[in-house]
Protein backbone atom coordinates (compact mmCIF):
# COMPACT_ATOMS: atom_id res chain seq x y z
CA UNK A 1 124.79 98.82 102.52
CA UNK A 2 124.19 98.70 106.25
CA UNK A 3 122.40 96.04 108.25
CA UNK A 4 119.30 98.25 108.53
CA UNK A 5 118.98 98.67 104.78
CA UNK A 6 119.89 95.03 104.12
CA UNK A 7 117.10 94.01 106.48
CA UNK A 8 114.61 96.37 104.84
CA UNK A 9 115.40 95.01 101.39
CA UNK A 10 115.14 91.39 102.55
CA UNK A 11 111.81 92.08 104.25
CA UNK A 12 110.42 93.90 101.22
CA UNK A 13 111.37 91.06 98.88
CA UNK A 14 109.39 88.78 101.21
CA UNK A 15 106.57 91.37 101.23
CA UNK A 16 107.03 92.02 104.94
CA UNK A 17 106.62 95.56 106.22
CA UNK A 18 109.27 97.50 108.14
CA UNK A 19 109.15 97.83 111.89
CA UNK A 20 108.28 101.24 113.23
CA UNK A 21 111.85 101.87 114.38
CA UNK A 22 113.21 100.93 110.96
CA UNK A 23 110.78 103.26 109.23
CA UNK A 24 111.62 106.16 111.51
CA UNK A 25 115.33 105.56 110.94
CA UNK A 26 114.86 105.88 107.16
CA UNK A 27 113.03 109.18 107.55
CA UNK A 28 115.30 110.48 110.30
CA UNK A 29 118.50 110.31 108.29
CA UNK A 30 120.15 107.36 110.02
CA UNK A 31 121.44 106.21 106.61
CA UNK A 32 122.99 108.17 103.76
CA UNK A 33 120.45 109.25 101.17
CA UNK A 34 122.04 107.50 98.19
CA UNK A 35 122.28 104.27 100.20
CA UNK A 36 118.57 104.54 101.02
CA UNK A 37 117.68 105.14 97.36
CA UNK A 38 119.87 102.23 96.25
CA UNK A 39 118.12 99.92 98.72
CA UNK A 40 114.68 101.01 97.56
CA UNK A 41 115.78 100.69 93.93
CA UNK A 42 116.71 97.06 94.47
CA UNK A 43 113.16 96.33 95.59
CA UNK A 44 111.67 98.33 92.73
CA UNK A 45 113.75 96.43 90.14
CA UNK A 46 112.76 93.06 91.59
CA UNK A 47 109.05 93.66 91.06
CA UNK A 48 108.90 96.20 88.22
CA UNK A 49 112.20 96.05 86.37
CA UNK A 50 112.92 99.22 84.39
CA UNK A 51 109.29 99.95 83.49
CA UNK A 52 107.57 103.27 84.23
CA UNK A 53 103.79 103.42 83.93
CA UNK A 54 102.33 106.69 82.63
CA UNK A 55 99.02 108.06 83.91
CA UNK A 56 97.10 111.20 83.05
CA UNK A 57 94.45 113.26 84.86
CA UNK A 58 91.31 114.65 83.26
CA UNK A 59 89.66 117.25 85.49
CA UNK A 60 86.00 116.67 84.66
CA UNK A 61 84.65 119.46 86.90
CA UNK A 62 86.87 122.10 88.45
CA UNK A 63 86.50 124.27 91.54
CA UNK A 64 83.57 125.26 93.77
CA UNK A 65 83.95 122.30 96.15
CA UNK A 66 81.98 122.49 99.43
CA UNK A 67 84.70 120.65 101.38
CA UNK A 68 87.38 122.56 103.32
CA UNK A 69 90.52 120.47 102.69
CA UNK A 70 93.32 122.89 103.58
CA UNK A 71 95.68 121.78 100.81
CA UNK A 72 93.22 122.11 97.94
CA UNK A 73 92.86 125.06 95.58
CA UNK A 74 89.28 123.94 94.83
CA UNK A 75 88.22 124.07 98.49
CA UNK A 76 85.41 126.09 100.01
CA UNK A 77 86.69 129.65 100.42
CA UNK A 78 89.76 129.22 98.20
CA UNK A 79 91.09 132.49 96.80
CA UNK A 80 93.31 130.73 94.26
CA UNK A 81 92.57 131.89 90.73
CA UNK A 82 92.08 128.45 89.24
CA UNK A 83 89.92 127.41 86.33
CA UNK A 84 86.31 126.88 87.41
CA UNK A 85 83.86 125.03 85.21
CA UNK A 86 81.06 122.51 85.38
CA UNK A 87 81.17 119.07 83.76
CA UNK A 88 83.02 118.78 80.46
CA UNK A 89 81.35 116.61 77.84
CA UNK A 90 82.13 112.92 77.40
CA UNK A 91 83.41 113.74 73.92
CA UNK A 92 85.86 116.34 75.25
CA UNK A 93 87.10 113.87 77.86
CA UNK A 94 87.50 111.16 75.22
CA UNK A 95 89.54 113.50 73.00
CA UNK A 96 91.84 114.33 75.92
CA UNK A 97 92.16 110.66 76.82
CA UNK A 98 92.99 109.73 73.23
CA UNK A 99 95.80 112.29 73.09
CA UNK A 100 97.19 110.98 76.38
CA UNK A 101 97.08 107.37 75.22
CA UNK A 102 98.93 108.31 72.04
CA UNK A 103 101.52 110.01 74.27
CA UNK A 104 102.05 106.76 76.18
CA UNK A 105 99.52 106.91 79.03
CA UNK A 106 98.24 103.55 80.19
CA UNK A 107 95.76 104.90 82.74
CA UNK A 108 93.31 107.81 82.50
CA UNK A 109 92.06 109.27 85.78
CA UNK A 110 88.65 110.98 85.68
CA UNK A 111 88.46 113.42 88.58
CA UNK A 112 85.67 115.77 89.68
CA UNK A 113 85.58 118.20 92.59
CA UNK A 114 82.90 117.86 95.25
CA UNK A 115 82.03 115.92 98.37
CA UNK A 116 80.76 113.00 96.35
CA UNK A 117 78.78 112.20 93.20
CA UNK A 118 75.03 112.26 92.76
CA UNK A 119 73.37 109.66 90.56
CA UNK A 120 73.39 112.08 87.60
CA UNK A 121 77.13 112.45 88.05
CA UNK A 122 77.60 108.68 87.96
CA UNK A 123 75.59 108.62 84.73
CA UNK A 124 77.91 111.27 83.26
CA UNK A 125 80.93 109.16 84.16
CA UNK A 126 79.34 106.01 82.75
CA UNK A 127 78.81 107.83 79.45
CA UNK A 128 82.34 109.21 79.55
CA UNK A 129 83.88 105.79 80.12
CA UNK A 130 81.92 104.48 77.14
CA UNK A 131 83.20 107.34 74.98
CA UNK A 132 86.81 106.78 76.04
CA UNK A 133 86.66 103.02 75.55
CA UNK A 134 85.22 103.35 72.05
CA UNK A 135 88.61 104.21 70.55
CA UNK A 136 90.85 103.00 73.39
CA UNK A 137 89.27 99.82 74.72
CA UNK A 138 92.38 98.71 76.63
CA UNK A 139 93.12 101.89 78.55
CA UNK A 140 92.65 101.71 82.31
CA UNK A 141 90.04 104.17 83.56
CA UNK A 142 90.39 105.28 87.16
CA UNK A 143 87.62 107.37 88.73
CA UNK A 144 87.98 109.86 91.59
CA UNK A 145 84.72 111.52 92.62
CA UNK A 146 84.96 111.78 96.40
CA UNK A 147 82.83 109.90 98.91
CA UNK A 148 80.66 107.18 97.40
CA UNK A 149 77.08 106.26 98.29
CA UNK A 150 75.61 102.77 98.28
CA UNK A 151 75.55 101.17 94.84
CA UNK A 152 77.68 103.77 93.08
CA UNK A 153 80.88 101.73 93.07
CA UNK A 154 79.01 98.83 91.51
CA UNK A 155 77.71 101.10 88.74
CA UNK A 156 81.20 102.36 87.98
CA UNK A 157 82.59 98.83 87.83
CA UNK A 158 79.80 97.72 85.51
CA UNK A 159 80.49 100.73 83.27
CA UNK A 160 84.07 99.59 82.77
CA UNK A 161 86.01 101.56 85.36
CA UNK A 162 89.17 99.77 86.37
CA UNK A 163 89.99 101.59 89.61
CA UNK A 164 88.70 104.05 92.17
CA UNK A 165 91.02 106.62 93.71
CA UNK A 166 90.52 108.21 97.11
CA UNK A 167 93.60 109.31 99.05
CA UNK A 168 93.83 109.11 102.82
CA UNK A 169 96.20 112.10 102.56
CA UNK A 170 97.50 112.19 106.14
CA UNK A 171 97.39 110.20 109.36
CA UNK A 172 94.11 109.63 111.17
CA UNK A 173 95.40 111.43 114.26
CA UNK A 174 95.89 114.72 112.45
CA UNK A 175 93.19 114.43 109.78
CA UNK A 176 90.97 117.02 111.48
CA UNK A 177 93.86 119.49 111.22
CA UNK A 178 93.54 119.55 107.43
CA UNK A 179 89.80 118.92 106.93
CA UNK A 180 86.69 119.32 109.08
CA UNK A 181 83.89 118.59 106.60
CA UNK A 182 84.50 114.84 106.45
CA UNK A 183 86.58 112.32 108.39
CA UNK A 184 89.41 109.88 107.89
CA UNK A 185 86.88 107.09 108.48
CA UNK A 186 84.69 108.43 105.66
CA UNK A 187 87.60 108.01 103.27
CA UNK A 188 88.38 104.52 104.48
CA UNK A 189 84.74 103.53 104.04
CA UNK A 190 84.68 104.71 100.42
CA UNK A 191 87.82 102.73 99.60
CA UNK A 192 86.31 99.61 101.12
CA UNK A 193 83.14 100.12 99.06
CA UNK A 194 85.20 100.44 95.90
CA UNK A 195 87.19 97.30 96.62
CA UNK A 196 84.08 95.31 97.48
CA UNK A 197 82.61 96.27 94.09
CA UNK A 198 85.64 94.89 92.28
CA UNK A 199 87.34 98.22 91.57
CA UNK A 200 91.11 98.33 92.01
CA UNK A 201 91.72 100.47 95.12
CA UNK A 202 94.00 103.46 94.64
CA UNK A 203 94.94 105.50 97.71
CA UNK A 204 97.91 107.55 98.79
CA UNK A 205 99.02 110.68 100.54
CA UNK A 206 100.07 114.30 100.42
CA UNK A 207 103.28 115.27 102.20
CA UNK A 208 104.58 118.67 103.20
CA UNK A 209 101.54 119.66 105.29
CA UNK A 210 103.38 119.78 108.62
CA UNK A 211 103.25 116.06 109.34
CA UNK A 212 105.82 114.46 111.61
CA UNK A 213 107.84 111.33 110.89
CA UNK A 214 105.43 109.43 113.14
CA UNK A 215 102.48 110.71 111.10
CA UNK A 216 104.11 109.43 107.92
CA UNK A 217 104.64 105.99 109.41
CA UNK A 218 101.09 105.88 110.81
CA UNK A 219 99.72 106.71 107.37
CA UNK A 220 101.85 104.09 105.64
CA UNK A 221 100.58 101.46 108.08
CA UNK A 222 96.94 102.54 107.57
CA UNK A 223 97.32 102.41 103.80
CA UNK A 224 98.94 99.00 103.86
CA UNK A 225 96.02 97.65 105.90
CA UNK A 226 93.71 98.73 103.05
CA UNK A 227 95.81 96.70 100.58
CA UNK A 228 95.70 99.17 97.66
CA UNK A 229 96.92 98.27 94.17
CA UNK A 230 98.34 101.74 93.59
CA UNK A 231 99.66 104.37 95.99
CA UNK A 232 100.05 107.94 94.69
CA UNK A 233 102.66 109.96 96.58
CA UNK A 234 101.89 113.68 96.32
CA UNK A 235 103.99 116.55 97.59
CA UNK A 236 102.06 119.63 98.62
CA UNK A 237 101.62 122.28 95.94
CA UNK A 238 101.31 125.40 98.14
CA UNK A 239 98.69 127.40 96.27
CA UNK A 240 98.38 131.03 97.28
CA UNK A 241 94.86 131.54 98.60
CA UNK A 242 94.76 128.28 100.59
CA UNK A 243 95.55 127.79 104.30
CA UNK A 244 98.73 125.86 103.43
CA UNK A 245 99.86 128.30 100.77
CA UNK A 246 102.97 129.34 102.71
CA UNK A 247 104.33 125.86 103.48
CA UNK A 248 107.56 125.26 101.57
CA UNK A 249 109.30 122.91 103.97
CA UNK A 250 109.98 119.96 101.67
CA UNK A 251 113.45 119.29 100.30
CA UNK A 252 114.43 116.84 97.55
CA UNK A 253 116.06 114.65 100.19
CA UNK A 254 112.90 114.56 102.31
CA UNK A 255 110.84 113.59 99.27
CA UNK A 256 113.22 110.80 98.31
CA UNK A 257 113.28 109.37 101.83
CA UNK A 258 109.47 109.31 101.86
CA UNK A 259 109.38 107.58 98.47
CA UNK A 260 111.91 105.01 99.62
CA UNK A 261 109.92 104.31 102.75
CA UNK A 262 106.77 103.78 100.72
CA UNK A 263 108.64 101.38 98.44
CA UNK A 264 109.61 99.36 101.52
CA UNK A 265 105.99 99.36 102.72
CA UNK A 266 104.58 98.64 99.26
CA UNK A 267 107.23 96.54 97.50
CA UNK A 268 105.00 94.99 94.85
CA UNK A 269 102.41 97.78 94.59
CA UNK A 270 102.30 100.58 92.03
CA UNK A 271 103.93 103.54 93.79
CA UNK A 272 103.07 106.62 91.75
CA UNK A 273 105.11 109.81 91.76
CA UNK A 274 102.32 112.38 91.67
CA UNK A 275 101.58 116.07 92.23
CA UNK A 276 104.34 118.44 93.31
CA UNK A 277 107.24 116.36 92.04
CA UNK A 278 108.50 119.10 89.73
CA UNK A 279 108.66 121.85 92.35
CA UNK A 280 109.99 119.79 95.27
CA UNK A 281 112.26 117.18 93.65
CA UNK A 282 113.44 119.56 90.95
CA UNK A 283 116.65 118.22 89.38
CA UNK A 284 116.41 115.02 91.42
CA UNK A 285 113.28 113.75 89.70
CA UNK A 286 115.25 111.09 87.77
CA UNK A 287 116.52 109.67 91.05
CA UNK A 288 112.91 109.27 92.19
CA UNK A 289 112.28 106.93 89.24
CA UNK A 290 114.50 104.41 90.97
CA UNK A 291 111.85 104.24 93.71
CA UNK A 292 108.50 104.94 92.03
CA UNK A 293 107.38 102.82 89.08
CA UNK A 294 104.59 105.13 87.93
CA UNK A 295 104.16 108.87 87.28
CA UNK A 296 101.52 111.31 86.14
CA UNK A 297 102.13 112.61 82.65
CA UNK A 298 101.38 116.26 81.91
CA UNK A 299 99.15 118.53 83.96
CA UNK A 300 97.43 117.97 87.30
CA UNK A 301 93.99 119.08 88.50
CA UNK A 302 94.58 122.81 88.87
CA UNK A 303 98.32 123.17 88.24
CA UNK A 304 100.49 122.56 85.23
CA UNK A 305 103.09 119.82 85.14
CA UNK A 306 106.20 119.73 83.01
CA UNK A 307 105.70 118.96 79.30
CA UNK A 308 105.07 115.33 78.49
CA UNK A 309 108.00 115.26 76.10
CA UNK A 310 110.27 116.27 78.98
CA UNK A 311 108.86 113.44 81.10
CA UNK A 312 109.46 110.87 78.38
CA UNK A 313 112.98 112.17 77.80
CA UNK A 314 113.69 112.05 81.53
CA UNK A 315 112.55 108.42 81.65
CA UNK A 316 114.79 107.48 78.74
CA UNK A 317 117.78 109.43 80.03
CA UNK A 318 117.50 107.69 83.41
CA UNK A 319 117.65 104.29 81.72
CA UNK A 320 113.96 103.39 82.10
CA UNK A 321 111.30 102.49 79.54
CA UNK A 322 107.62 103.39 79.28
CA UNK A 323 105.38 100.49 80.23
CA UNK A 324 103.26 99.25 77.33
CA UNK A 325 99.54 98.54 77.34
CA UNK A 326 100.19 94.83 76.87
CA UNK A 327 102.40 94.62 79.96
CA UNK A 328 101.09 93.74 83.39
CA UNK A 329 101.80 96.44 85.97
CA UNK A 330 101.48 94.46 89.18
CA UNK A 331 103.46 91.24 89.68
CA UNK A 332 101.74 88.02 88.76
CA UNK A 333 99.89 85.72 91.11
CA UNK A 334 102.00 84.33 93.95
CA UNK A 335 100.83 80.76 94.32
CA UNK A 336 103.61 80.13 96.83
CA UNK A 337 101.66 82.34 99.23
CA UNK A 338 98.61 80.05 99.09
CA UNK A 339 98.84 77.22 101.61
CA UNK A 340 96.38 74.35 101.18
CA UNK A 341 94.98 73.36 104.58
CA UNK A 342 96.40 70.11 105.91
CA UNK A 343 95.30 70.40 109.54
CA UNK A 344 92.19 70.88 111.62
CA UNK A 345 88.76 69.53 110.71
CA UNK A 346 88.95 66.36 108.62
CA UNK A 347 92.54 65.58 109.64
CA UNK A 348 94.29 64.12 112.63
CA UNK A 349 96.20 67.36 113.27
CA UNK A 350 95.12 70.25 115.50
CA UNK A 351 93.86 73.42 113.84
CA UNK A 352 95.93 76.61 113.67
CA UNK A 353 94.23 78.35 116.59
């Protein structure tokens, strides 16, 4: 392993982020791919061992979104022939969640298309969480409803939601290139609302939309400043009928370098291998498990994933194990990071200013 990768591993184990030049070197191919994966795998093993957390998505309301996100098959003006339906019942969601939990899922993600929820929508989710928790009280429920209004995050937390998901998707500089109906700052504000309400912040990205290496690094830095507990890494699914439907520029190597970089930026955070992994990583999916410690099981919002049995077999074949409900995903408290003040007011020593 080279000095660059040695330094990245050492920094990650101390929870220090890469420098910009180091990050760009990882993406730019300065090091051999397998060496990069091995370095990222060392960090992954330190904090998460051989465990893989399984998550599943329940699409509560599909299609007919008024937003114009270029990557999305549910966007305003999309010609993609996806399923379109209004809210499914809490009972239907609970049945789907129960099947996923029995298949090994530890987290259930309730997702609905739209700019953001109205108060009636929050009530629907509250009822749905109650229905899911009735038979599966320990499952994590993550909610993804778009931009939040005042008080809505608090209602979700009180209802028993564990996390709120809202991806930044791409760098702030190029955000207007993929969406004009809301801003990067809108997304940041929603994540801060969720965190302030006690919800675990979940935020990640979509790659393969024409971003540069610098864009990827800018996004990683912005995400780290938000201090999320989980970071989904999506690879663009180029739906026909969307503005990005002809972009097929990702390679397995590119995807693995991005995953490794995110492991270096988020050493002790849940890095989730998300949408598009099957079509872009292809036969190299097992290698990605050495970097990501979490995956989505089964289908996505508007596209089908590989069968859950294939996912579980892949995990076993690669030498990993499915994380159990009783196991803690994130590393335990780091009391060595807490320094009791011994200077400044009340002491004879100057303050740290």
